[in-house]
């Protein structure tokens, strides 16, 4: 069983598990797929993630900037700990950050 997974469903990127290594290219591919969907409102749902390393924070930053550059609005949903990391990384200036419950 993989330690993490990500999938794009409509305008949502849904993430589950521990993203503690930078060996996976599936996350970047999913981000690119999300950018290509119709509509202006995109959601990256990280509420199922237990941890994300700096590589994934960087990929999320790229997603934020690319979405904004295409005239799209990105909302990133996450639990308390990941939301704090994303705020500290400055992603709130390029996307809406929503803290959902206590989360992992």
N, C-alpha and C. Protein backbone atom coordinates (compact mmCIF):
# COMPACT_ATOMS: atom_id res chain seq x y z
N UNK A 1 0.84 -1.18 0.00
CA UNK A 1 0.00 0.00 0.00
C UNK A 1 0.89 1.25 0.00
N UNK A 2 0.61 2.21 -0.89
CA UNK A 2 1.44 3.42 -0.93
C UNK A 2 1.26 4.25 0.34
N UNK A 3 2.33 4.97 0.69
CA UNK A 3 2.24 5.79 1.90
C UNK A 3 1.48 7.07 1.66
N UNK A 4 1.29 7.42 0.38
CA UNK A 4 0.49 8.61 0.06
C UNK A 4 -0.15 8.46 -1.32
N UNK A 5 -1.16 9.29 -1.56
CA UNK A 5 -1.83 9.28 -2.85
C UNK A 5 -2.37 10.67 -3.14
N UNK A 6 -2.55 10.94 -4.42
CA UNK A 6 -3.18 12.18 -4.83
C UNK A 6 -3.94 11.94 -6.12
N UNK A 7 -5.07 12.62 -6.26
CA UNK A 7 -5.91 12.46 -7.44
C UNK A 7 -6.66 13.75 -7.70
N UNK A 8 -6.95 13.99 -8.95
CA UNK A 8 -7.75 15.15 -9.33
C UNK A 8 -9.15 14.66 -9.67
N UNK A 9 -10.13 15.21 -8.98
CA UNK A 9 -11.54 14.92 -9.22
C UNK A 9 -12.23 16.24 -9.52
N UNK A 10 -12.55 16.48 -10.79
CA UNK A 10 -13.13 17.76 -11.17
C UNK A 10 -12.14 18.87 -10.91
N UNK A 11 -12.54 19.86 -10.13
CA UNK A 11 -11.64 20.98 -9.83
C UNK A 11 -10.95 20.82 -8.47
N UNK A 12 -10.93 19.59 -7.95
CA UNK A 12 -10.30 19.29 -6.66
C UNK A 12 -9.10 18.37 -6.81
N UNK A 13 -8.01 18.74 -6.18
CA UNK A 13 -6.86 17.86 -5.99
C UNK A 13 -6.98 17.33 -4.57
N UNK A 14 -7.09 16.02 -4.43
CA UNK A 14 -7.29 15.41 -3.12
C UNK A 14 -6.04 14.60 -2.76
N UNK A 15 -5.49 14.88 -1.57
CA UNK A 15 -4.25 14.29 -1.12
C UNK A 15 -4.49 13.51 0.17
N UNK A 16 -3.85 12.33 0.26
CA UNK A 16 -3.93 11.51 1.47
C UNK A 16 -2.56 10.97 1.81
N UNK A 17 -2.22 10.97 3.08
CA UNK A 17 -1.01 10.29 3.55
C UNK A 17 0.13 11.20 3.94
N UNK A 18 1.30 10.59 3.96
CA UNK A 18 2.53 11.22 4.42
C UNK A 18 3.39 11.56 3.21
N UNK A 19 3.55 12.85 2.92
CA UNK A 19 4.35 13.31 1.79
C UNK A 19 5.70 13.79 2.33
N UNK A 20 6.49 12.83 2.83
CA UNK A 20 7.73 13.18 3.52
C UNK A 20 8.97 13.02 2.64
N UNK A 21 8.82 12.49 1.44
CA UNK A 21 9.97 12.36 0.54
C UNK A 21 9.67 13.05 -0.78
N UNK A 22 10.72 13.38 -1.50
CA UNK A 22 10.52 14.06 -2.78
C UNK A 22 10.67 13.12 -3.97
N UNK A 23 10.51 11.82 -3.74
CA UNK A 23 10.71 10.83 -4.80
C UNK A 23 9.50 10.66 -5.72
N UNK A 24 8.37 11.24 -5.39
CA UNK A 24 7.14 11.04 -6.15
C UNK A 24 6.91 12.16 -7.16
N UNK A 25 6.67 11.81 -8.41
CA UNK A 25 6.33 12.82 -9.40
C UNK A 25 4.82 12.92 -9.61
N UNK A 26 4.06 12.03 -9.00
CA UNK A 26 2.61 12.04 -9.16
C UNK A 26 1.96 13.31 -8.64
N UNK A 27 2.52 13.89 -7.60
CA UNK A 27 1.94 15.11 -7.04
C UNK A 27 2.06 16.26 -8.03
N UNK A 28 3.23 16.41 -8.63
CA UNK A 28 3.43 17.47 -9.62
C UNK A 28 2.51 17.25 -10.82
N UNK A 29 2.40 16.01 -11.26
CA UNK A 29 1.49 15.69 -12.38
C UNK A 29 0.05 16.05 -12.04
N UNK A 30 -0.36 15.75 -10.81
CA UNK A 30 -1.72 16.07 -10.37
C UNK A 30 -1.93 17.58 -10.33
N UNK A 31 -0.91 18.33 -9.89
CA UNK A 31 -1.01 19.79 -9.88
C UNK A 31 -1.20 20.33 -11.30
N UNK A 32 -0.45 19.79 -12.25
CA UNK A 32 -0.56 20.23 -13.64
C UNK A 32 -1.94 19.88 -14.21
N UNK A 33 -2.45 18.71 -13.85
CA UNK A 33 -3.79 18.32 -14.29
C UNK A 33 -4.84 19.26 -13.71
N UNK A 34 -4.68 19.63 -12.43
CA UNK A 34 -5.62 20.55 -11.80
C UNK A 34 -5.63 21.89 -12.53
N UNK A 35 -4.47 22.39 -12.90
CA UNK A 35 -4.38 23.67 -13.61
C UNK A 35 -5.10 23.63 -14.95
N UNK A 36 -5.21 22.47 -15.54
CA UNK A 36 -5.81 22.36 -16.87
C UNK A 36 -7.33 22.21 -16.87
N UNK A 37 -7.94 22.07 -15.70
CA UNK A 37 -9.40 21.89 -15.67
C UNK A 37 -10.11 23.19 -16.02
N UNK A 38 -11.32 23.06 -16.51
CA UNK A 38 -12.15 24.22 -16.83
C UNK A 38 -12.55 24.93 -15.55
N UNK A 39 -12.83 26.20 -15.65
CA UNK A 39 -13.30 26.97 -14.51
C UNK A 39 -12.19 27.71 -13.81
N UNK A 40 -12.59 28.66 -13.00
CA UNK A 40 -11.63 29.53 -12.33
C UNK A 40 -11.33 29.14 -10.90
N UNK A 41 -12.21 28.37 -10.27
CA UNK A 41 -12.03 28.02 -8.86
C UNK A 41 -11.45 26.62 -8.72
N UNK A 42 -10.27 26.55 -8.11
CA UNK A 42 -9.57 25.29 -7.90
C UNK A 42 -9.39 25.05 -6.40
N UNK A 43 -9.38 23.79 -6.01
CA UNK A 43 -9.20 23.43 -4.61
C UNK A 43 -8.14 22.35 -4.49
N UNK A 44 -7.17 22.58 -3.62
CA UNK A 44 -6.20 21.55 -3.25
C UNK A 44 -6.57 21.13 -1.83
N UNK A 45 -7.09 19.93 -1.69
CA UNK A 45 -7.57 19.43 -0.40
C UNK A 45 -6.50 18.55 0.23
N UNK A 46 -5.81 19.11 1.21
CA UNK A 46 -4.75 18.40 1.92
C UNK A 46 -5.21 17.92 3.29
N UNK A 47 -6.51 17.91 3.54
CA UNK A 47 -7.00 17.53 4.86
C UNK A 47 -6.69 16.07 5.19
N UNK A 48 -6.42 15.25 4.18
CA UNK A 48 -6.06 13.86 4.41
C UNK A 48 -4.56 13.63 4.54
N UNK A 49 -3.78 14.70 4.43
CA UNK A 49 -2.32 14.57 4.54
C UNK A 49 -1.91 14.63 6.00
N UNK A 50 -0.94 13.80 6.36
CA UNK A 50 -0.43 13.78 7.72
C UNK A 50 0.82 14.64 7.85
N UNK A 51 1.53 14.82 6.72
CA UNK A 51 2.77 15.59 6.73
C UNK A 51 3.13 15.93 5.29
N UNK A 52 3.71 17.11 5.05
CA UNK A 52 4.28 17.42 3.75
C UNK A 52 5.65 18.04 3.96
N UNK A 53 6.63 17.57 3.18
CA UNK A 53 7.98 18.12 3.29
C UNK A 53 8.09 19.38 2.42
N UNK A 54 9.23 20.02 2.51
CA UNK A 54 9.42 21.30 1.83
C UNK A 54 9.29 21.18 0.31
N UNK A 55 9.60 20.03 -0.25
CA UNK A 55 9.46 19.84 -1.70
C UNK A 55 8.01 20.06 -2.12
N UNK A 56 7.08 19.53 -1.35
CA UNK A 56 5.66 19.65 -1.68
C UNK A 56 5.15 21.06 -1.40
N UNK A 57 5.70 21.72 -0.40
CA UNK A 57 5.35 23.13 -0.16
C UNK A 57 5.78 23.95 -1.38
N UNK A 58 6.95 23.65 -1.91
CA UNK A 58 7.42 24.33 -3.12
C UNK A 58 6.53 24.07 -4.32
N UNK A 59 6.11 22.82 -4.49
CA UNK A 59 5.20 22.49 -5.59
C UNK A 59 3.85 23.19 -5.42
N UNK A 60 3.39 23.31 -4.18
CA UNK A 60 2.14 24.05 -3.93
C UNK A 60 2.33 25.53 -4.24
N UNK A 61 3.49 26.09 -3.93
CA UNK A 61 3.78 27.48 -4.26
C UNK A 61 3.74 27.68 -5.78
N UNK A 62 4.34 26.75 -6.52
CA UNK A 62 4.29 26.82 -7.98
C UNK A 62 2.85 26.74 -8.48
N UNK A 63 2.05 25.86 -7.86
CA UNK A 63 0.64 25.73 -8.23
C UNK A 63 -0.09 27.04 -7.99
N UNK A 64 0.16 27.66 -6.85
CA UNK A 64 -0.48 28.94 -6.52
C UNK A 64 -0.17 30.00 -7.57
N UNK A 65 1.10 30.14 -7.88
CA UNK A 65 1.53 31.16 -8.84
C UNK A 65 1.03 30.88 -10.25
N UNK A 66 1.04 29.61 -10.64
CA UNK A 66 0.54 29.24 -11.97
C UNK A 66 -0.95 29.48 -12.07
N UNK A 67 -1.69 29.14 -11.02
CA UNK A 67 -3.14 29.37 -11.03
C UNK A 67 -3.43 30.86 -11.15
N UNK A 68 -2.76 31.66 -10.35
CA UNK A 68 -2.97 33.10 -10.40
C UNK A 68 -2.60 33.66 -11.77
N UNK A 69 -1.52 33.16 -12.36
CA UNK A 69 -1.09 33.60 -13.68
C UNK A 69 -2.09 33.25 -14.77
N UNK A 70 -2.91 32.24 -14.53
CA UNK A 70 -3.94 31.83 -15.50
C UNK A 70 -5.30 32.42 -15.17
N UNK A 71 -5.33 33.32 -14.20
CA UNK A 71 -6.60 33.95 -13.82
C UNK A 71 -7.51 33.05 -13.01
N UNK A 72 -6.93 32.06 -12.34
CA UNK A 72 -7.72 31.13 -11.53
C UNK A 72 -7.50 31.43 -10.05
N UNK A 73 -8.44 30.99 -9.24
CA UNK A 73 -8.37 31.18 -7.79
C UNK A 73 -8.18 29.82 -7.14
N UNK A 74 -7.14 29.70 -6.33
CA UNK A 74 -6.83 28.45 -5.65
C UNK A 74 -7.11 28.56 -4.17
N UNK A 75 -7.81 27.56 -3.65
CA UNK A 75 -8.02 27.42 -2.21
C UNK A 75 -7.31 26.15 -1.76
N UNK A 76 -6.50 26.27 -0.71
CA UNK A 76 -5.82 25.11 -0.15
C UNK A 76 -6.43 24.82 1.21
N UNK A 77 -7.01 23.63 1.35
CA UNK A 77 -7.61 23.20 2.61
C UNK A 77 -6.65 22.23 3.29
N UNK A 78 -6.45 22.44 4.59
CA UNK A 78 -5.55 21.55 5.32
C UNK A 78 -5.87 21.58 6.80
N UNK A 79 -5.29 20.62 7.52
CA UNK A 79 -5.39 20.60 8.97
C UNK A 79 -4.51 21.68 9.57
N UNK A 80 -4.58 21.83 10.87
CA UNK A 80 -3.91 22.90 11.60
C UNK A 80 -2.40 22.93 11.36
N UNK A 81 -1.72 21.81 11.49
CA UNK A 81 -0.26 21.79 11.38
C UNK A 81 0.21 22.16 9.98
N UNK A 82 -0.40 21.58 8.96
CA UNK A 82 0.01 21.89 7.60
C UNK A 82 -0.37 23.32 7.24
N UNK A 83 -1.52 23.77 7.69
CA UNK A 83 -1.93 25.15 7.44
C UNK A 83 -0.91 26.13 8.00
N UNK A 84 -0.41 25.85 9.18
CA UNK A 84 0.60 26.71 9.80
C UNK A 84 1.86 26.77 8.94
N UNK A 85 2.30 25.63 8.43
CA UNK A 85 3.49 25.57 7.57
C UNK A 85 3.25 26.39 6.30
N UNK A 86 2.08 26.23 5.70
CA UNK A 86 1.77 26.95 4.47
C UNK A 86 1.73 28.46 4.70
N UNK A 87 1.18 28.87 5.84
CA UNK A 87 1.16 30.30 6.18
C UNK A 87 2.58 30.83 6.36
N UNK A 88 3.41 30.07 7.07
CA UNK A 88 4.79 30.49 7.31
C UNK A 88 5.58 30.57 6.01
N UNK A 89 5.22 29.73 5.03
CA UNK A 89 5.89 29.75 3.73
C UNK A 89 5.37 30.88 2.84
N UNK A 90 4.33 31.59 3.29
CA UNK A 90 3.81 32.73 2.53
C UNK A 90 2.80 32.39 1.46
N UNK A 91 2.28 31.17 1.46
CA UNK A 91 1.33 30.79 0.42
C UNK A 91 0.00 31.53 0.52
N UNK A 92 -0.28 32.10 1.68
CA UNK A 92 -1.52 32.86 1.84
C UNK A 92 -1.58 34.11 0.98
N UNK A 93 -0.43 34.55 0.47
CA UNK A 93 -0.44 35.72 -0.41
C UNK A 93 -0.82 35.37 -1.84
N UNK A 94 -0.82 34.09 -2.19
CA UNK A 94 -1.14 33.68 -3.55
C UNK A 94 -2.35 32.77 -3.64
N UNK A 95 -2.85 32.29 -2.50
CA UNK A 95 -4.00 31.39 -2.47
C UNK A 95 -4.75 31.58 -1.17
N UNK A 96 -6.00 31.16 -1.16
CA UNK A 96 -6.79 31.18 0.07
C UNK A 96 -6.42 29.92 0.86
N UNK A 97 -6.07 30.10 2.14
CA UNK A 97 -5.74 28.97 2.99
C UNK A 97 -6.88 28.74 3.97
N UNK A 98 -7.45 27.55 3.94
CA UNK A 98 -8.55 27.20 4.83
C UNK A 98 -8.10 26.11 5.78
N UNK A 99 -8.18 26.41 7.08
CA UNK A 99 -7.88 25.41 8.10
C UNK A 99 -9.16 24.65 8.41
N UNK A 100 -9.10 23.34 8.23
CA UNK A 100 -10.27 22.49 8.43
C UNK A 100 -10.05 21.65 9.69
N UNK A 101 -10.82 21.92 10.71
CA UNK A 101 -10.73 21.17 11.95
C UNK A 101 -9.33 21.10 12.50
N UNK A 102 -9.08 20.14 13.34
CA UNK A 102 -7.76 19.95 13.92
C UNK A 102 -6.81 19.33 12.93
N UNK A 103 -7.34 18.36 12.17
CA UNK A 103 -6.55 17.70 11.14
C UNK A 103 -5.29 17.07 11.69
N UNK A 104 -4.64 16.33 10.82
CA UNK A 104 -3.38 15.70 11.24
C UNK A 104 -2.28 16.72 11.38
